[in-house]
Protein backbone atom coordinates (compact mmCIF):
# COMPACT_ATOMS: atom_id res chain seq x y z
CA MET A 1 0.00 0.00 0.00
CA CYS A 2 1.32 3.43 -0.99
CA GLY A 3 -0.12 6.92 -1.01
CA ILE A 4 -0.40 9.41 -3.85
CA GLY A 5 -1.60 12.98 -3.66
CA GLY A 6 -0.95 16.52 -4.72
CA VAL A 7 -2.23 19.66 -6.36
CA TRP A 8 -2.56 21.01 -9.92
CA CYS A 9 -3.03 24.73 -10.58
CA LEU A 10 -5.77 25.77 -12.99
CA ASN A 11 -5.88 28.90 -15.15
CA ASN A 12 -3.27 31.40 -13.92
CA SER A 13 -3.19 30.30 -10.28
CA LYS A 14 0.07 29.46 -8.49
CA LEU A 15 0.87 27.80 -5.19
CA ASP A 16 1.33 30.00 -2.14
CA LYS A 17 2.46 29.53 1.48
CA ARG A 18 -1.02 28.38 2.55
CA ASP A 19 -0.86 25.70 -0.12
CA SER A 20 2.56 24.72 1.21
CA LYS A 21 1.06 24.13 4.66
CA ARG A 22 -1.76 22.08 3.15
CA LEU A 23 0.74 20.00 1.20
CA ILE A 24 2.77 19.29 4.33
CA GLU A 25 -0.41 18.16 6.08
CA LEU A 26 -1.39 16.03 3.10
CA ALA A 27 2.07 14.44 2.89
CA ILE A 28 1.92 13.47 6.56
CA TYR A 29 -1.56 11.99 6.08
CA LEU A 30 -0.30 10.04 3.07
CA GLN A 31 2.52 8.51 5.07
CA SER A 32 -0.12 6.49 6.94
CA ARG A 33 -0.21 4.47 3.71
CA GLY A 34 3.56 4.14 3.43
CA ASP A 35 6.52 5.54 5.34
CA LYS A 36 9.53 3.83 3.76
CA ALA A 37 10.09 6.58 1.17
CA PHE A 38 8.73 9.98 0.18
CA GLY A 39 9.07 11.73 -3.14
CA PHE A 40 7.58 14.62 -5.07
CA TYR A 41 7.70 16.56 -8.33
CA ASN A 42 7.19 20.32 -8.30
CA GLY A 43 7.32 20.93 -12.05
CA GLU A 44 11.08 21.42 -11.99
CA ASN A 45 12.69 18.51 -10.15
CA VAL A 46 11.96 15.02 -8.87
CA ILE A 47 13.08 14.87 -5.24
CA LYS A 48 12.87 11.63 -3.25
CA PHE A 49 14.43 10.04 -0.19
CA PRO A 50 14.19 6.62 1.52
CA SER A 51 12.46 7.93 4.62
CA SER A 52 9.02 9.01 5.82
CA ALA A 53 7.36 12.18 4.54
CA SER A 54 7.58 13.89 7.92
CA ASP A 55 11.30 13.09 8.27
CA VAL A 56 12.07 14.24 4.71
CA ILE A 57 10.18 17.52 5.13
CA GLU A 58 11.96 18.15 8.45
CA MET A 59 15.33 17.42 6.83
CA ILE A 60 14.63 19.79 3.92
CA ASP A 61 13.46 22.49 6.32
CA ARG A 62 16.82 22.39 8.10
CA ILE A 63 18.54 23.25 4.80
CA ARG A 64 16.00 25.67 3.32
CA PRO A 65 12.32 26.40 3.99
CA PHE A 66 10.23 23.62 2.46
CA SER A 67 7.79 26.29 1.27
CA GLU A 68 10.44 27.50 -1.22
CA LEU A 69 9.94 24.25 -3.13
CA VAL A 70 6.21 24.97 -3.32
CA THR A 71 5.43 28.68 -3.59
CA GLY A 72 5.18 30.05 -7.10
CA LYS A 73 5.00 26.56 -8.62
CA ARG A 74 2.04 25.31 -10.66
CA MET A 75 1.96 21.72 -9.41
CA PHE A 76 3.17 19.59 -6.54
CA LEU A 77 2.72 15.84 -6.99
CA MET A 78 3.64 13.37 -4.23
CA HIS A 79 4.11 9.70 -3.36
CA THR A 80 4.64 7.86 -0.06
CA ARG A 81 5.92 4.32 -0.38
CA GLU A 82 5.25 0.99 1.29
CA PRO A 83 7.29 -1.28 -1.01
CA THR A 84 6.32 -4.56 -2.61
CA ILE A 85 9.16 -4.99 -5.13
CA GLY A 86 12.40 -3.02 -5.02
CA ASP A 87 14.42 -2.09 -1.94
CA PRO A 88 13.48 1.46 -0.85
CA LEU A 89 17.00 1.99 0.48
CA LYS A 90 18.04 2.06 -3.18
CA ASN A 91 16.58 5.45 -4.00
CA LYS A 92 16.25 4.59 -7.71
CA ASN A 93 13.35 2.30 -6.71
CA ASN A 94 11.36 5.09 -5.08
CA HIS A 95 8.69 7.26 -6.71
CA PRO A 96 8.19 9.47 -8.65
CA PHE A 97 9.89 8.14 -11.78
CA GLU A 98 10.93 10.51 -14.56
CA LEU A 99 11.19 9.29 -18.15
CA LYS A 100 11.75 11.16 -21.40
CA ASP A 101 8.33 12.80 -21.61
CA ILE A 102 6.51 11.83 -18.41
CA VAL A 103 6.79 11.87 -14.64
CA PHE A 104 4.57 9.47 -12.70
CA ALA A 105 3.87 7.69 -9.43
CA HIS A 106 1.96 4.47 -8.74
CA ASN A 107 0.04 2.92 -5.88
CA GLY A 108 -0.60 -0.77 -6.51
CA MET A 109 1.11 -3.86 -7.81
CA LEU A 110 1.65 -5.62 -11.11
CA TYR A 111 1.01 -9.32 -10.72
CA GLU A 112 3.20 -10.41 -13.64
CA TYR A 113 6.44 -8.52 -13.25
CA THR A 114 8.13 -8.07 -15.59
CA LEU A 115 5.77 -7.29 -18.47
CA ARG A 116 8.68 -7.77 -20.86
CA SER A 117 8.67 -11.48 -20.05
CA GLY A 118 5.59 -11.64 -22.27
CA ASN A 119 2.19 -13.23 -21.91
CA PRO A 120 1.35 -15.66 -24.73
CA LYS A 121 -2.35 -15.53 -23.85
CA PHE A 122 -2.56 -11.81 -24.49
CA GLU A 123 -2.38 -10.49 -28.03
CA TYR A 124 -0.21 -7.42 -27.69
CA ASP A 125 3.26 -7.18 -29.13
CA TYR A 126 5.39 -4.22 -28.04
CA GLU A 127 8.04 -3.19 -30.53
CA TYR A 128 11.42 -2.92 -28.86
CA ILE A 129 12.45 0.66 -28.20
CA ASP A 130 15.87 1.31 -26.71
CA THR A 131 16.63 2.97 -23.40
CA TYR A 132 17.35 6.31 -25.03
CA GLU A 133 13.84 6.51 -26.48
CA ILE A 134 12.29 5.67 -23.13
CA LEU A 135 14.42 7.79 -20.82
CA GLY A 136 15.87 10.44 -23.10
CA LYS A 137 19.38 9.31 -22.21
CA VAL A 138 21.27 6.08 -21.78
CA GLU A 139 20.74 4.56 -18.34
CA THR A 140 22.12 1.29 -17.05
CA ASP A 141 21.09 1.47 -13.39
CA LEU A 142 17.32 1.13 -13.90
CA PRO A 143 14.77 0.79 -11.07
CA GLU A 144 14.16 -2.73 -9.79
CA THR A 145 10.43 -2.34 -9.30
CA ASP A 146 7.25 -3.38 -11.06
CA SER A 147 5.96 0.20 -11.00
CA PHE A 148 8.68 1.40 -13.38
CA GLU A 149 7.27 -0.91 -16.07
CA ILE A 150 4.10 1.21 -16.14
CA GLY A 151 6.04 4.27 -17.19
CA VAL A 152 7.98 2.31 -19.80
CA VAL A 153 4.77 1.11 -21.45
CA ILE A 154 3.23 4.62 -21.43
CA GLN A 155 6.41 6.20 -22.81
CA GLU A 156 6.62 3.61 -25.59
CA GLU A 157 3.09 4.50 -26.69
CA TYR A 158 3.89 8.20 -26.41
CA ASN A 159 6.88 7.67 -28.69
CA LYS A 160 4.64 6.02 -31.27
CA TYR A 161 1.62 8.32 -31.28
CA ASN A 162 2.91 11.68 -30.00
CA ASP A 163 -0.33 12.26 -28.12
CA PHE A 164 -0.55 11.94 -24.34
CA ILE A 165 -4.20 10.91 -24.11
CA GLU A 166 -3.94 8.35 -26.89
CA ALA A 167 -0.78 6.95 -25.32
CA LEU A 168 -2.59 6.59 -21.99
CA GLU A 169 -5.64 4.95 -23.55
CA ARG A 170 -3.50 2.38 -25.33
CA ALA A 171 -1.08 1.73 -22.47
CA LEU A 172 -3.66 1.50 -19.69
CA SER A 173 -5.94 -0.82 -21.67
CA TYR A 174 -2.95 -3.17 -21.67
CA LEU A 175 -1.66 -2.56 -18.15
CA ILE A 176 -4.92 -3.31 -16.32
CA TYR A 177 -4.54 -6.94 -17.33
CA PHE A 178 -1.49 -7.18 -15.11
CA GLY A 179 -2.36 -5.55 -11.82
CA ASP A 180 -4.08 -2.83 -9.86
CA MET A 181 -3.15 0.81 -9.82
CA ALA A 182 -3.85 4.36 -8.82
CA LEU A 183 -1.68 6.73 -10.84
CA TRP A 184 -0.78 10.31 -11.41
CA ILE A 185 1.05 10.90 -14.68
CA TYR A 186 2.38 14.25 -15.84
CA SER A 187 3.20 15.01 -19.47
CA LYS A 188 6.22 17.28 -19.66
CA ARG A 189 5.67 17.62 -23.40
CA GLU A 190 2.02 18.80 -23.25
CA ASP A 191 1.72 20.13 -19.66
CA LEU A 192 -1.16 17.78 -18.80
CA LEU A 193 -1.94 15.88 -15.61
CA ALA A 194 -3.67 12.50 -15.70
CA LEU A 195 -5.28 10.59 -12.84
CA PHE A 196 -6.29 6.95 -13.22
CA LYS A 197 -7.47 4.17 -10.94
CA PHE A 198 -8.17 0.48 -11.11
CA GLU A 199 -8.91 -1.40 -7.87
CA ARG A 200 -7.00 1.17 -5.79
CA PRO A 201 -8.60 4.28 -4.21
CA LEU A 202 -8.21 7.79 -5.59
CA PHE A 203 -10.20 10.96 -4.84
CA TYR A 204 -10.08 14.51 -6.16
CA GLY A 205 -11.65 17.90 -5.45
CA PHE A 206 -11.11 21.63 -5.77
CA LYS A 207 -9.99 24.59 -3.70
CA ASN A 208 -9.01 28.10 -4.83
CA SER A 209 -8.80 27.30 -8.57
CA LYS A 210 -6.68 24.24 -7.88
CA LEU A 211 -7.30 20.53 -8.35
CA TRP A 212 -6.32 18.47 -5.31
CA PHE A 213 -6.15 14.68 -5.15
CA ALA A 214 -5.29 11.97 -2.62
CA SER A 215 -5.58 8.26 -1.98
CA GLU A 216 -8.29 8.69 0.68
CA ARG A 217 -11.25 11.04 0.93
CA TRP A 218 -10.65 12.04 4.54
CA MET A 219 -7.22 13.42 3.63
CA LEU A 220 -8.80 15.96 1.30
CA GLU A 221 -11.53 16.75 3.81
CA GLU A 222 -8.88 17.55 6.44
CA ILE A 223 -7.30 20.21 4.22
CA LYS A 224 -10.73 21.68 3.39
CA VAL A 225 -10.96 20.62 -0.25
CA LYS A 226 -14.47 20.95 -1.69
CA LYS A 227 -16.58 18.99 -4.18
CA ILE A 228 -14.69 15.76 -3.54
CA LYS A 229 -15.32 12.92 -5.97
CA ALA A 230 -14.08 9.36 -6.16
CA LEU A 231 -12.63 8.10 -9.41
CA ARG A 232 -14.34 4.90 -10.51
CA ASP A 233 -12.51 1.81 -11.69
CA CYS A 234 -10.88 2.37 -15.10
CA GLU A 235 -11.72 6.08 -15.07
CA LEU A 236 -9.09 8.25 -16.72
CA LEU A 237 -9.17 11.96 -15.91
CA VAL A 238 -6.88 14.41 -17.72
CA TYR A 239 -6.54 18.10 -16.87
CA SER A 240 -4.88 20.97 -18.70
CA ARG A 241 -4.40 24.39 -17.13
CA ASP A 242 -7.76 25.42 -18.57
CA GLY A 243 -9.67 22.57 -16.97
CA GLU A 244 -10.85 19.07 -17.78
CA GLU A 245 -9.55 17.83 -21.13
CA TYR A 246 -10.70 14.22 -20.97
CA ASN A 247 -12.82 12.01 -18.72
CA ASP A 248 -13.72 8.52 -19.87
CA PHE A 249 -13.39 4.85 -19.02
CA ILE A 250 -10.61 2.68 -20.38
CA GLU A 251 -11.89 -0.35 -22.27
CA PHE A 252 -10.17 -3.65 -22.85
CA LYS A 253 -10.96 -6.67 -24.97
CA VAL A 254 -11.65 -10.27 -24.02
CA LYS A 255 -12.02 -12.67 -26.95
CA GLY A 256 -12.60 -9.74 -29.31
CA LYS A 257 -15.32 -8.11 -27.20
CA SER A 258 -14.76 -4.60 -25.83
CA LEU A 259 -15.63 -4.34 -22.15
CA ASN A 260 -15.23 -1.76 -19.45
CA CYS A 261 -14.70 -2.13 -15.73
CA ASP A 262 -18.35 -1.48 -14.84
CA TYR A 263 -19.26 -4.67 -16.64
CA HIS A 264 -16.89 -6.69 -14.52
CA VAL A 265 -17.87 -5.04 -11.25
CA GLU A 266 -21.59 -5.55 -11.88
CA GLU A 267 -21.18 -9.15 -13.02
CA GLU A 268 -18.60 -9.95 -10.31
CA TRP A 269 -16.58 -11.64 -13.00
CA ASP A 270 -12.89 -12.40 -12.41
CA TRP A 271 -11.67 -11.44 -15.87
CA ARG A 272 -8.09 -12.54 -15.13
CA PHE A 273 -9.36 -16.14 -15.23
CA TYR A 274 -9.93 -15.70 -18.97
CA LEU A 275 -6.45 -14.45 -19.83
C-alpha cells in the first residue's frame, strides 16, 4: 500500500504559502499508507528520499524552507511508499519516476512482473524501443520495481503516437490486465496531468482554482478541499491548465469483445481467469 496525492493549478493560479502548509499536512496523512520513502515533483525537479514524509520535510526544512519548493509553482505531486518490489534503500526504486516525456507515481502492484517477459495468452506485441527513447538518455542502473514498467509502457506508446491521451488509452488498456493501480502521470511535453485508478482508491476535489487529489477522501476533507469525488474503476481523468480535457473509461478486450470495468464489477466476474 502506498499513497499518492498533490495539487494542480488551474488557469493562472500558483501555489502559495497556505498551499505549502496544506501539502505538508497532506504528505503526513499520506505517510499512513507508506513511510519507507517519500518523493515529489514540483514541475522542476523530482526529489525523493528513503524515509518518511515527515522526516524528509523536516530534513529539507533544516537546509531551506520547504515552502520554497512549493510557492510560485504550478503543481506539486507526491508519493509515499510501502514497497512490494524493489528495496526502498536504493533510491532509484522510489517514486516518482521521470522518463523522457513523463513523470509518474503508482500505488498498486503488477502481478506479472516483468511485463517484458511476455504473456502468450494476451495479443499485444510491443516493438522494442531502446533505453534512449524511453528515458531520453542512456541509463544502465534502472529501477528494480514493477511500477517502473508502467512508465515504460506509457512512454513507448507516447513515442509512437505523440499524443498523451492516446498513449494513456492504449497503455492502460494493456496494463490493467497485469495488476491494480492508482496513478498520477504528468506530461512534460504537453503540460497535462492524468489521474487513473483500477482497484485502488483515488479521490479529487477543488480549492481556490486548484485541483487536489489523494488516496483517501478524509485526507482531502482535512485540508478543506471541496466537491470531492471518487474516481471509478478504469476512469481516466486528464486536466490541462484550462480545466478538464478528458474524462472517460478505459476499455479492454476479451475474446474480441470490448468491455469496461463497470461490466466486470456488476457481473462480479474475475476477468483474469480468462487471460
